[in-house]
Amino acid sequence: MAAEIKFDENKTPYIQLGEHYQTRLENDEYTDAKSKEKAVRELRETPEIVAEAFKDLRAKLQDEKSLYVPIDDDSFLVKFLRPCKYYPDSAFALMQRYYRFRQKHPDLCDDLFPATVKHVFAEDLIFFQPLRDQNGCRVLILEVGKKWKPSKIGLTDLFRALQIALEAGMEEPRTQLNGAMVILDMDGLSLTQIMQFTPRFAALVVEWVQECTALRLKGVHVVNNSYLFNMLYTIFKPFLSEKLRKRVFFHNKNWNSLTSHIGKEYLRPRYGGTLDAPDYEGRLIGDLLTMYQKEFEVANSYGYTKKP
């Protein structure tokens, strides 16, 4: 059974993978007791703290006259509050950094719609795993070794597609709570690809990941990495914080090492796992995300110097 996009009873799109697996955006709020208990324990998500955080963050945003965002939209505010454990000062600072980055880099952030980077997804470079890991983390796979042909996909478009993929995850309540894991598959990395990266661009990417992304990044797992990858990592390493460095793991082909972080049942056999979900074409991710065009248009209307 080939992978294909289908729609559920609520007309919500998803990618059907064989008989038993699906990839979809999970925008429903979590209601189960286990998630709620975790939210209290890890994010301080109690009714009293949440209410006070909303109140304080709204007050700060009302004073930030040049920043246009939907102040009355709880789901928008919580996207920034959850990664900051409901500390309004931290959430406000994160929001400022996020929108100032977008303002400063229009070539990377303006008109950030899935339709503008469907060709990137069509090259089979970015995938969502159909299952979350044992801790509820969303698992994103980037295959940027031999599959990435810089002559077809420029670095700017690759970064824009990555932003869109993570933006989709940032909208998911379960991802806001549990965070995300990234697997960097560097199989076949060449000097041609390494030479695309300058220290300036590396600093920019790290700034976005470390300072601007409203996401609990739990780990970056590098697999199939040869000695050439060390050259690439040397460009990025000076800009990594100590916290992020501790969350980058190098496995090469040691699947026991990888599966000590992400359970076997959540990984396909090529990564040492037992997940029997069929592979699917990257273009389907592009098609799926494009069906949320209106949501991305609304999100792109927010920011500094923008008007309602």
C-alpha atoms as a PDB file:
ATOM      1  CA  MET A   1       0.000   0.000   0.000  1.00  0.00           C
ATOM      2  CA  ALA A   2       1.648   3.223  -1.184  1.00  0.00           C
ATOM      3  CA  ALA A   3       1.793   6.241   1.095  1.00  0.00           C
ATOM      4  CA  GLU A   4      -0.839   8.847   0.282  1.00  0.00           C
ATOM      5  CA  ILE A   5      -2.603  11.855   1.735  1.00  0.00           C
ATOM      6  CA  LYS A   6      -6.042  11.201   3.163  1.00  0.00           C
ATOM      7  CA  PHE A   7      -8.555  13.137   5.260  1.00  0.00           C
ATOM      8  CA  ASP A   8     -10.246  12.138   8.501  1.00  0.00           C
ATOM      9  CA  GLU A   9     -13.867  12.790   9.484  1.00  0.00           C
ATOM     10  CA  ASN A  10     -12.970  16.365  10.430  1.00  0.00           C
ATOM     11  CA  LYS A  11     -11.400  16.937   6.991  1.00  0.00           C
ATOM     12  CA  THR A  12      -7.957  17.091   8.589  1.00  0.00           C
ATOM     13  CA  PRO A  13      -5.220  15.864   6.231  1.00  0.00           C
ATOM     14  CA  TYR A  14      -2.727  13.157   7.116  1.00  0.00           C
ATOM     15  CA  ILE A  15      -0.273  10.862   5.342  1.00  0.00           C
ATOM     16  CA  GLN A  16      -1.331   7.213   5.485  1.00  0.00           C
ATOM     17  CA  LEU A  17       1.663   4.875   5.692  1.00  0.00           C
ATOM     18  CA  GLY A  18       0.621   1.324   4.975  1.00  0.00           C
ATOM     19  CA  GLU A  19      -2.193  -0.041   7.109  1.00  0.00           C
ATOM     20  CA  HIS A  20      -1.056   0.950  10.583  1.00  0.00           C
ATOM     21  CA  TYR A  21       0.801   4.278  10.566  1.00  0.00           C
ATOM     22  CA  GLN A  22       0.039   7.915   9.887  1.00  0.00           C
ATOM     23  CA  THR A  23       1.942  11.177   9.829  1.00  0.00           C
ATOM     24  CA  ARG A  24      -0.120  14.216  10.715  1.00  0.00           C
ATOM     25  CA  LEU A  25       0.071  17.550  12.496  1.00  0.00           C
ATOM     26  CA  GLU A  26      -1.323  17.064  15.992  1.00  0.00           C
ATOM     27  CA  ASN A  27      -2.853  20.410  16.890  1.00  0.00           C
ATOM     28  CA  ASP A  28      -5.293  19.123  19.513  1.00  0.00           C
ATOM     29  CA  GLU A  29      -4.632  20.095  23.113  1.00  0.00           C
ATOM     30  CA  TYR A  30      -3.567  17.195  25.325  1.00  0.00           C
ATOM     31  CA  THR A  31      -6.192  16.038  27.840  1.00  0.00           C
ATOM     32  CA  ASP A  32      -4.774  12.771  29.205  1.00  0.00           C
ATOM     33  CA  ALA A  33      -3.755  12.602  32.864  1.00  0.00           C
ATOM     34  CA  LYS A  34      -0.154  11.568  32.143  1.00  0.00           C
ATOM     35  CA  SER A  35       0.516  14.599  29.940  1.00  0.00           C
ATOM     36  CA  LYS A  36      -1.194  16.956  32.360  1.00  0.00           C
ATOM     37  CA  GLU A  37       0.874  15.614  35.247  1.00  0.00           C
ATOM     38  CA  LYS A  38       4.063  16.027  33.199  1.00  0.00           C
ATOM     39  CA  ALA A  39       3.065  19.581  32.315  1.00  0.00           C
ATOM     40  CA  VAL A  40       2.699  20.425  36.000  1.00  0.00           C
ATOM     41  CA  ARG A  41       5.985  18.747  36.910  1.00  0.00           C
ATOM     42  CA  GLU A  42       8.141  20.073  34.075  1.00  0.00           C
ATOM     43  CA  LEU A  43       6.429  23.274  32.940  1.00  0.00           C
ATOM     44  CA  ARG A  44       4.707  24.493  36.151  1.00  0.00           C
ATOM     45  CA  GLU A  45       1.428  24.264  34.193  1.00  0.00           C
ATOM     46  CA  THR A  46      -1.133  24.848  36.949  1.00  0.00           C
ATOM     47  CA  PRO A  47      -4.282  26.966  36.509  1.00  0.00           C
ATOM     48  CA  GLU A  48      -2.966  29.662  38.869  1.00  0.00           C
ATOM     49  CA  ILE A  49       0.477  29.948  37.239  1.00  0.00           C
ATOM     50  CA  VAL A  50      -0.973  29.806  33.724  1.00  0.00           C
ATOM     51  CA  ALA A  51      -3.505  32.560  34.439  1.00  0.00           C
ATOM     52  CA  GLU A  52      -0.867  34.821  35.974  1.00  0.00           C
ATOM     53  CA  ALA A  53       1.545  34.166  33.104  1.00  0.00           C
ATOM     54  CA  PHE A  54      -1.095  35.070  30.507  1.00  0.00           C
ATOM     55  CA  LYS A  55      -1.896  38.262  32.390  1.00  0.00           C
ATOM     56  CA  ASP A  56       1.727  39.360  32.734  1.00  0.00           C
ATOM     57  CA  LEU A  57       2.705  38.460  29.160  1.00  0.00           C
ATOM     58  CA  ARG A  58      -0.283  40.336  27.733  1.00  0.00           C
ATOM     59  CA  ALA A  59       0.689  43.420  29.749  1.00  0.00           C
ATOM     60  CA  LYS A  60       4.227  43.294  28.356  1.00  0.00           C
ATOM     61  CA  LEU A  61       2.961  42.870  24.797  1.00  0.00           C
ATOM     62  CA  GLN A  62       0.569  45.805  25.151  1.00  0.00           C
ATOM     63  CA  ASP A  63       3.562  47.982  26.009  1.00  0.00           C
ATOM     64  CA  GLU A  64       5.549  46.700  23.011  1.00  0.00           C
ATOM     65  CA  LYS A  65       3.702  48.924  20.544  1.00  0.00           C
ATOM     66  CA  SER A  66       5.776  48.036  17.485  1.00  0.00           C
ATOM     67  CA  LEU A  67       5.119  44.294  17.796  1.00  0.00           C
ATOM     68  CA  TYR A  68       1.912  43.088  16.198  1.00  0.00           C
ATOM     69  CA  VAL A  69       0.773  39.707  17.563  1.00  0.00           C
ATOM     70  CA  PRO A  70      -2.637  38.260  18.579  1.00  0.00           C
ATOM     71  CA  ILE A  71      -2.528  39.237  22.258  1.00  0.00           C
ATOM     72  CA  ASP A  72      -5.934  37.697  23.017  1.00  0.00           C
ATOM     73  CA  ASP A  73      -5.153  34.303  21.468  1.00  0.00           C
ATOM     74  CA  ASP A  74      -4.255  31.847  24.247  1.00  0.00           C
ATOM     75  CA  SER A  75      -2.970  29.205  21.818  1.00  0.00           C
ATOM     76  CA  PHE A  76      -0.538  31.719  20.344  1.00  0.00           C
ATOM     77  CA  LEU A  77       0.799  32.876  23.696  1.00  0.00           C
ATOM     78  CA  VAL A  78       1.162  29.356  25.085  1.00  0.00           C
ATOM     79  CA  LYS A  79       3.444  28.481  22.166  1.00  0.00           C
ATOM     80  CA  PHE A  80       6.007  30.794  23.772  1.00  0.00           C
ATOM     81  CA  LEU A  81       5.065  30.230  27.408  1.00  0.00           C
ATOM     82  CA  ARG A  82       5.435  26.446  27.489  1.00  0.00           C
ATOM     83  CA  PRO A  83       9.085  26.334  26.343  1.00  0.00           C
ATOM     84  CA  CYS A  84       9.784  29.006  28.993  1.00  0.00           C
ATOM     85  CA  LYS A  85       7.975  27.107  31.756  1.00  0.00           C
ATOM     86  CA  TYR A  86       5.395  29.882  32.081  1.00  0.00           C
ATOM     87  CA  TYR A  87       7.884  32.545  33.133  1.00  0.00           C
ATOM     88  CA  PRO A  88       6.404  35.595  31.352  1.00  0.00           C
ATOM     89  CA  ASP A  89       9.671  37.560  31.279  1.00  0.00           C
ATOM     90  CA  SER A  90      11.409  34.679  29.496  1.00  0.00           C
ATOM     91  CA  ALA A  91       8.508  34.132  27.086  1.00  0.00           C
ATOM     92  CA  PHE A  92       8.413  37.841  26.224  1.00  0.00           C
ATOM     93  CA  ALA A  93      12.175  37.904  25.603  1.00  0.00           C
ATOM     94  CA  LEU A  94      11.889  34.798  23.411  1.00  0.00           C
ATOM     95  CA  MET A  95       9.102  36.407  21.402  1.00  0.00           C
ATOM     96  CA  GLN A  96      11.199  39.540  20.919  1.00  0.00           C
ATOM     97  CA  ARG A  97      14.206  37.546  19.724  1.00  0.00           C
ATOM     98  CA  TYR A  98      12.031  35.439  17.425  1.00  0.00           C
ATOM     99  CA  TYR A  99      10.397  38.382  15.656  1.00  0.00           C
ATOM    100  CA  ARG A 100      13.546  40.490  15.566  1.00  0.00           C
ATOM    101  CA  PHE A 101      15.320  37.613  13.815  1.00  0.00           C
ATOM    102  CA  ARG A 102      12.528  37.491  11.252  1.00  0.00           C
ATOM    103  CA  GLN A 103      12.727  41.259  10.782  1.00  0.00           C
ATOM    104  CA  LYS A 104      16.522  41.203  10.423  1.00  0.00           C
ATOM    105  CA  HIS A 105      16.604  38.351   7.863  1.00  0.00           C
ATOM    106  CA  PRO A 106      13.774  38.910   5.352  1.00  0.00           C
ATOM    107  CA  ASP A 107      15.496  36.705   2.773  1.00  0.00           C
ATOM    108  CA  LEU A 108      15.136  33.775   5.164  1.00  0.00           C
ATOM    109  CA  CYS A 109      11.830  34.597   6.829  1.00  0.00           C
ATOM    110  CA  ASP A 110       9.513  36.646   4.601  1.00  0.00           C
ATOM    111  CA  ASP A 111       6.681  34.777   2.850  1.00  0.00           C
ATOM    112  CA  LEU A 112       7.571  31.652   4.785  1.00  0.00           C
ATOM    113  CA  PHE A 113       4.945  29.419   3.189  1.00  0.00           C
ATOM    114  CA  PRO A 114       5.226  25.681   2.434  1.00  0.00           C
ATOM    115  CA  ALA A 115       4.405  26.295  -1.238  1.00  0.00           C
ATOM    116  CA  THR A 116       7.647  28.285  -1.618  1.00  0.00           C
ATOM    117  CA  VAL A 117       9.805  25.311  -0.568  1.00  0.00           C
ATOM    118  CA  LYS A 118       7.865  22.299  -1.859  1.00  0.00           C
ATOM    119  CA  HIS A 119      10.834  21.559  -4.127  1.00  0.00           C
ATOM    120  CA  VAL A 120      12.996  21.103  -1.008  1.00  0.00           C
ATOM    121  CA  PHE A 121      10.669  18.499   0.485  1.00  0.00           C
ATOM    122  CA  ALA A 122      10.418  16.810  -2.931  1.00  0.00           C
ATOM    123  CA  GLU A 123      14.160  16.032  -2.721  1.00  0.00           C
ATOM    124  CA  ASP A 124      13.520  13.716   0.265  1.00  0.00           C
ATOM    125  CA  LEU A 125      15.552  15.779   2.716  1.00  0.00           C
ATOM    126  CA  ILE A 126      13.127  16.379   5.617  1.00  0.00           C
ATOM    127  CA  PHE A 127      10.790  13.851   7.248  1.00  0.00           C
ATOM    128  CA  PHE A 128       8.591  13.529  10.309  1.00  0.00           C
ATOM    129  CA  GLN A 129       8.672  10.096  11.921  1.00  0.00           C
ATOM    130  CA  PRO A 130       5.145   8.616  12.167  1.00  0.00           C
ATOM    131  CA  LEU A 131       5.584   7.912  15.896  1.00  0.00           C
ATOM    132  CA  ARG A 132       6.768  10.073  18.743  1.00  0.00           C
ATOM    133  CA  ASP A 133       9.542   8.568  20.855  1.00  0.00           C
ATOM    134  CA  GLN A 134       9.144   6.988  24.294  1.00  0.00           C
ATOM    135  CA  ASN A 135       9.077  10.444  25.909  1.00  0.00           C
ATOM    136  CA  GLY A 136       6.535  11.888  23.516  1.00  0.00           C
ATOM    137  CA  CYS A 137       9.137  13.832  21.513  1.00  0.00           C
ATOM    138  CA  ARG A 138       8.422  14.648  17.900  1.00  0.00           C
ATOM    139  CA  VAL A 139      11.221  13.072  15.809  1.00  0.00           C
ATOM    140  CA  LEU A 140      12.429  14.985  12.737  1.00  0.00           C
ATOM    141  CA  ILE A 141      14.899  13.424  10.291  1.00  0.00           C
ATOM    142  CA  LEU A 142      17.147  15.543   8.052  1.00  0.00           C
ATOM    143  CA  GLU A 143      18.920  13.607   5.305  1.00  0.00           C
ATOM    144  CA  VAL A 144      21.460  16.183   4.207  1.00  0.00           C
ATOM    145  CA  GLY A 145      24.298  13.995   2.991  1.00  0.00           C
ATOM    146  CA  LYS A 146      24.300  12.618  -0.533  1.00  0.00           C
ATOM    147  CA  LYS A 147      20.617  13.418  -1.049  1.00  0.00           C
ATOM    148  CA  TRP A 148      21.243  17.147  -0.804  1.00  0.00           C
ATOM    149  CA  LYS A 149      22.391  18.597  -4.136  1.00  0.00           C
ATOM    150  CA  PRO A 150      23.309  22.262  -3.579  1.00  0.00           C
ATOM    151  CA  SER A 151      23.002  22.936  -7.309  1.00  0.00           C
ATOM    152  CA  LYS A 152      19.265  22.156  -7.009  1.00  0.00           C
ATOM    153  CA  ILE A 153      18.539  23.221  -3.435  1.00  0.00           C
ATOM    154  CA  GLY A 154      20.302  26.323  -2.182  1.00  0.00           C
ATOM    155  CA  LEU A 155      21.203  26.755   1.467  1.00  0.00           C
ATOM    156  CA  THR A 156      18.638  29.513   1.913  1.00  0.00           C
ATOM    157  CA  ASP A 157      15.776  27.331   0.673  1.00  0.00           C
ATOM    158  CA  LEU A 158      16.969  24.406   2.806  1.00  0.00           C
ATOM    159  CA  PHE A 159      16.942  26.616   5.894  1.00  0.00           C
ATOM    160  CA  ARG A 160      13.516  28.030   5.012  1.00  0.00           C
ATOM    161  CA  ALA A 161      12.115  24.492   4.678  1.00  0.00           C
ATOM    162  CA  LEU A 162      13.608  23.542   8.050  1.00  0.00           C
ATOM    163  CA  GLN A 163      11.993  26.602   9.628  1.00  0.00           C
ATOM    164  CA  ILE A 164       8.617  25.596   8.226  1.00  0.00           C
ATOM    165  CA  ALA A 165       8.960  22.034   9.511  1.00  0.00           C
ATOM    166  CA  LEU A 166       9.847  23.233  13.016  1.00  0.00           C
ATOM    167  CA  GLU A 167       7.146  25.918  12.909  1.00  0.00           C
ATOM    168  CA  ALA A 168       4.630  23.133  12.327  1.00  0.00           C
ATOM    169  CA  GLY A 169       5.990  21.301  15.371  1.00  0.00           C
ATOM    170  CA  MET A 170       5.869  24.453  17.483  1.00  0.00           C
ATOM    171  CA  GLU A 171       2.112  24.586  16.922  1.00  0.00           C
ATOM    172  CA  GLU A 172       1.579  21.097  18.386  1.00  0.00           C
ATOM    173  CA  PRO A 173       0.666  21.089  22.107  1.00  0.00           C
ATOM    174  CA  ARG A 174       2.294  17.681  22.636  1.00  0.00           C
ATOM    175  CA  THR A 175       5.503  18.944  21.048  1.00  0.00           C
ATOM    176  CA  GLN A 176       5.332  22.089  23.180  1.00  0.00           C
ATOM    177  CA  LEU A 177       5.205  19.799  26.202  1.00  0.00           C
ATOM    178  CA  ASN A 178       7.545  16.970  25.203  1.00  0.00           C
ATOM    179  CA  GLY A 179       9.942  18.677  22.812  1.00  0.00           C
ATOM    180  CA  ALA A 180      11.643  17.394  19.689  1.00  0.00           C
ATOM    181  CA  MET A 181      14.509  15.143  18.657  1.00  0.00           C
ATOM    182  CA  VAL A 182      16.420  15.763  15.419  1.00  0.00           C
ATOM    183  CA  ILE A 183      18.298  13.012  13.580  1.00  0.00           C
ATOM    184  CA  LEU A 184      20.931  14.387  11.188  1.00  0.00           C
ATOM    185  CA  ASP A 185      21.727  11.684   8.629  1.00  0.00           C
ATOM    186  CA  MET A 186      25.032  12.708   7.049  1.00  0.00           C
ATOM    187  CA  ASP A 187      25.454   9.643   4.825  1.00  0.00           C
ATOM    188  CA  GLY A 188      27.516  10.600   1.787  1.00  0.00           C
ATOM    189  CA  LEU A 189      28.437  14.102   2.985  1.00  0.00           C
ATOM    190  CA  SER A 190      30.905  15.698   0.563  1.00  0.00           C
ATOM    191  CA  LEU A 191      33.200  18.706   0.416  1.00  0.00           C
ATOM    192  CA  THR A 192      30.777  20.312  -2.041  1.00  0.00           C
ATOM    193  CA  GLN A 193      28.125  20.446   0.667  1.00  0.00           C
ATOM    194  CA  ILE A 194      30.501  21.536   3.425  1.00  0.00           C
ATOM    195  CA  MET A 195      31.702  24.441   1.301  1.00  0.00           C
ATOM    196  CA  GLN A 196      28.182  25.888   1.253  1.00  0.00           C
ATOM    197  CA  PHE A 197      28.556  26.842   4.907  1.00  0.00           C
ATOM    198  CA  THR A 198      30.332  29.985   6.038  1.00  0.00           C
ATOM    199  CA  PRO A 199      30.955  30.904   9.686  1.00  0.00           C
ATOM    200  CA  ARG A 200      28.455  33.734   9.258  1.00  0.00           C
ATOM    201  CA  PHE A 201      25.703  31.383   8.102  1.00  0.00           C
ATOM    202  CA  ALA A 202      26.574  28.864  10.812  1.00  0.00           C
ATOM    203  CA  ALA A 203      26.300  31.609  13.444  1.00  0.00           C
ATOM    204  CA  LEU A 204      22.929  32.624  12.019  1.00  0.00           C
ATOM    205  CA  VAL A 205      21.533  29.076  12.109  1.00  0.00           C
ATOM    206  CA  VAL A 206      22.773  28.511  15.656  1.00  0.00           C
ATOM    207  CA  GLU A 207      21.313  31.843  16.775  1.00  0.00           C
ATOM    208  CA  TRP A 208      17.943  30.784  15.395  1.00  0.00           C
ATOM    209  CA  VAL A 209      18.061  27.336  17.021  1.00  0.00           C
ATOM    210  CA  GLN A 210      19.402  28.458  20.396  1.00  0.00           C
ATOM    211  CA  GLU A 211      17.816  31.868  20.881  1.00  0.00           C
ATOM    212  CA  CYS A 212      14.734  32.187  18.698  1.00  0.00           C
ATOM    213  CA  THR A 213      12.968  28.838  18.306  1.00  0.00           C
ATOM    214  CA  ALA A 214      10.051  28.261  20.658  1.00  0.00           C
ATOM    215  CA  LEU A 215      10.794  24.567  20.941  1.00  0.00           C
ATOM    216  CA  ARG A 216      12.223  22.280  23.593  1.00  0.00           C
ATOM    217  CA  LEU A 217      15.053  20.718  21.607  1.00  0.00           C
ATOM    218  CA  LYS A 218      15.870  17.545  23.521  1.00  0.00           C
ATOM    219  CA  GLY A 219      18.639  16.195  21.333  1.00  0.00           C
ATOM    220  CA  VAL A 220      20.437  16.345  17.985  1.00  0.00           C
ATOM    221  CA  HIS A 221      21.607  12.879  16.924  1.00  0.00           C
ATOM    222  CA  VAL A 222      24.190  12.741  14.145  1.00  0.00           C
ATOM    223  CA  VAL A 223      24.343   9.421  12.277  1.00  0.00           C
ATOM    224  CA  ASN A 224      26.406   8.109   9.350  1.00  0.00           C
ATOM    225  CA  ASN A 225      28.961  10.826  10.043  1.00  0.00           C
ATOM    226  CA  SER A 226      32.430  10.381   8.525  1.00  0.00           C
ATOM    227  CA  TYR A 227      35.596  12.349   9.225  1.00  0.00           C
ATOM    228  CA  LEU A 228      34.305  14.966   6.766  1.00  0.00           C
ATOM    229  CA  PHE A 229      31.551  15.816   9.191  1.00  0.00           C
ATOM    230  CA  ASN A 230      34.187  16.930  11.691  1.00  0.00           C
ATOM    231  CA  MET A 231      35.068  19.736   9.270  1.00  0.00           C
ATOM    232  CA  LEU A 232      31.447  20.856   9.167  1.00  0.00           C
ATOM    233  CA  TYR A 233      31.029  20.617  12.935  1.00  0.00           C
ATOM    234  CA  THR A 234      34.158  22.741  13.401  1.00  0.00           C
ATOM    235  CA  ILE A 235      32.351  25.601  11.628  1.00  0.00           C
ATOM    236  CA  PHE A 236      29.331  25.366  13.946  1.00  0.00           C
ATOM    237  CA  LYS A 237      30.944  24.439  17.257  1.00  0.00           C
ATOM    238  CA  PRO A 238      32.239  27.896  18.314  1.00  0.00           C
ATOM    239  CA  PHE A 239      28.687  29.247  18.262  1.00  0.00           C
ATOM    240  CA  LEU A 240      27.070  26.453  20.297  1.00  0.00           C
ATOM    241  CA  SER A 241      26.199  27.092  23.917  1.00  0.00           C
ATOM    242  CA  GLU A 242      27.381  24.614  26.519  1.00  0.00           C
ATOM    243  CA  LYS A 243      23.773  23.496  26.978  1.00  0.00           C
ATOM    244  CA  LEU A 244      23.306  22.694  23.295  1.00  0.00           C
ATOM    245  CA  ARG A 245      26.714  21.028  22.970  1.00  0.00           C
ATOM    246  CA  LYS A 246      25.644  18.565  25.646  1.00  0.00           C
ATOM    247  CA  ARG A 247      22.569  17.706  23.564  1.00  0.00           C
ATOM    248  CA  VAL A 248      24.483  16.888  20.371  1.00  0.00           C
ATOM    249  CA  PHE A 249      25.344  13.183  20.089  1.00  0.00           C
ATOM    250  CA  PHE A 250      27.530  11.499  17.472  1.00  0.00           C
ATOM    251  CA  HIS A 251      26.645   7.893  16.663  1.00  0.00           C
ATOM    252  CA  ASN A 252      27.993   7.251  13.136  1.00  0.00           C
ATOM    253  CA  LYS A 253      26.702   3.666  12.595  1.00  0.00           C
ATOM    254  CA  ASN A 254      26.534   2.662  16.262  1.00  0.00           C
ATOM    255  CA  TRP A 255      22.807   1.944  16.404  1.00  0.00           C
ATOM    256  CA  ASN A 256      23.005   0.691  19.985  1.00  0.00           C
ATOM    257  CA  SER A 257      24.183   4.168  20.892  1.00  0.00           C
ATOM    258  CA  LEU A 258      21.303   5.815  19.014  1.00  0.00           C
ATOM    259  CA  THR A 259      18.675   3.459  20.406  1.00  0.00           C
ATOM    260  CA  SER A 260      19.855   4.190  23.938  1.00  0.00           C
ATOM    261  CA  HIS A 261      18.292   7.635  23.360  1.00  0.00           C
ATOM    262  CA  ILE A 262      15.383   6.814  21.035  1.00  0.00           C
ATOM    263  CA  GLY A 263      13.683   3.451  21.516  1.00  0.00           C
ATOM    264  CA  LYS A 264      14.007   0.841  18.764  1.00  0.00           C
ATOM    265  CA  GLU A 265      10.266   0.686  18.246  1.00  0.00           C
ATOM    266  CA  TYR A 266      10.288   4.337  17.108  1.00  0.00           C
ATOM    267  CA  LEU A 267      13.081   3.966  14.529  1.00  0.00           C
ATOM    268  CA  ARG A 268      13.201   2.243  11.165  1.00  0.00           C
ATOM    269  CA  PRO A 269      15.580  -0.712  10.672  1.00  0.00           C
ATOM    270  CA  ARG A 270      18.188   1.410   8.854  1.00  0.00           C
ATOM    271  CA  TYR A 271      18.710   3.235  12.140  1.00  0.00           C
ATOM    272  CA  GLY A 272      18.788   0.101  14.248  1.00  0.00           C
ATOM    273  CA  GLY A 273      15.074   0.113  15.000  1.00  0.00           C
ATOM    274  CA  THR A 274      12.108  -2.186  14.524  1.00  0.00           C
ATOM    275  CA  LEU A 275       9.517   0.296  13.214  1.00  0.00           C
ATOM    276  CA  ASP A 276       7.908  -1.350  10.180  1.00  0.00           C
ATOM    277  CA  ALA A 277       6.236   1.788   8.820  1.00  0.00           C
ATOM    278  CA  PRO A 278       6.781   2.169   5.065  1.00  0.00           C
ATOM    279  CA  ASP A 279       8.969   4.988   3.785  1.00  0.00           C
ATOM    280  CA  TYR A 280       7.239   7.816   2.003  1.00  0.00           C
ATOM    281  CA  GLU A 281       8.174  10.459  -0.519  1.00  0.00           C
ATOM    282  CA  GLY A 282       9.273  13.800   0.860  1.00  0.00           C
ATOM    283  CA  ARG A 283       6.901  15.599  -1.502  1.00  0.00           C
ATOM    284  CA  LEU A 284       4.023  14.323   0.653  1.00  0.00           C
ATOM    285  CA  ILE A 285       5.302  16.386   3.591  1.00  0.00           C
ATOM    286  CA  GLY A 286       5.360  19.409   1.306  1.00  0.00           C
ATOM    287  CA  ASP A 287       1.823  18.642   0.139  1.00  0.00           C
ATOM    288  CA  LEU A 288       0.598  18.103   3.705  1.00  0.00           C
ATOM    289  CA  LEU A 289       2.077  21.366   4.990  1.00  0.00           C
ATOM    290  CA  THR A 290       0.764  23.282   1.970  1.00  0.00           C
ATOM    291  CA  MET A 291      -2.744  22.367   3.078  1.00  0.00           C
ATOM    292  CA  TYR A 292      -2.107  24.655   6.069  1.00  0.00           C
ATOM    293  CA  GLN A 293      -1.382  27.631   3.808  1.00  0.00           C
ATOM    294  CA  LYS A 294      -3.924  29.904   5.547  1.00  0.00           C
ATOM    295  CA  GLU A 295      -2.426  29.201   8.961  1.00  0.00           C
ATOM    296  CA  PHE A 296       1.058  30.043   7.676  1.00  0.00           C
ATOM    297  CA  GLU A 297      -0.272  33.232   6.061  1.00  0.00           C
ATOM    298  CA  VAL A 298      -1.721  34.348   9.388  1.00  0.00           C
ATOM    299  CA  ALA A 299       1.516  33.477  11.210  1.00  0.00           C
ATOM    300  CA  ASN A 300       3.509  35.466   8.659  1.00  0.00           C
ATOM    301  CA  SER A 301       1.366  38.549   9.260  1.00  0.00           C
ATOM    302  CA  TYR A 302       2.737  38.901  12.805  1.00  0.00           C
ATOM    303  CA  GLY A 303       5.921  40.660  13.804  1.00  0.00           C
ATOM    304  CA  TYR A 304       7.620  43.998  14.195  1.00  0.00           C
ATOM    305  CA  THR A 305       6.476  46.946  12.040  1.00  0.00           C
ATOM    306  CA  LYS A 306       3.586  44.853  10.679  1.00  0.00           C
ATOM    307  CA  LYS A 307       0.066  46.254  10.666  1.00  0.00           C
ATOM    308  CA  PRO A 308      -3.154  44.399  11.487  1.00  0.00           C
END
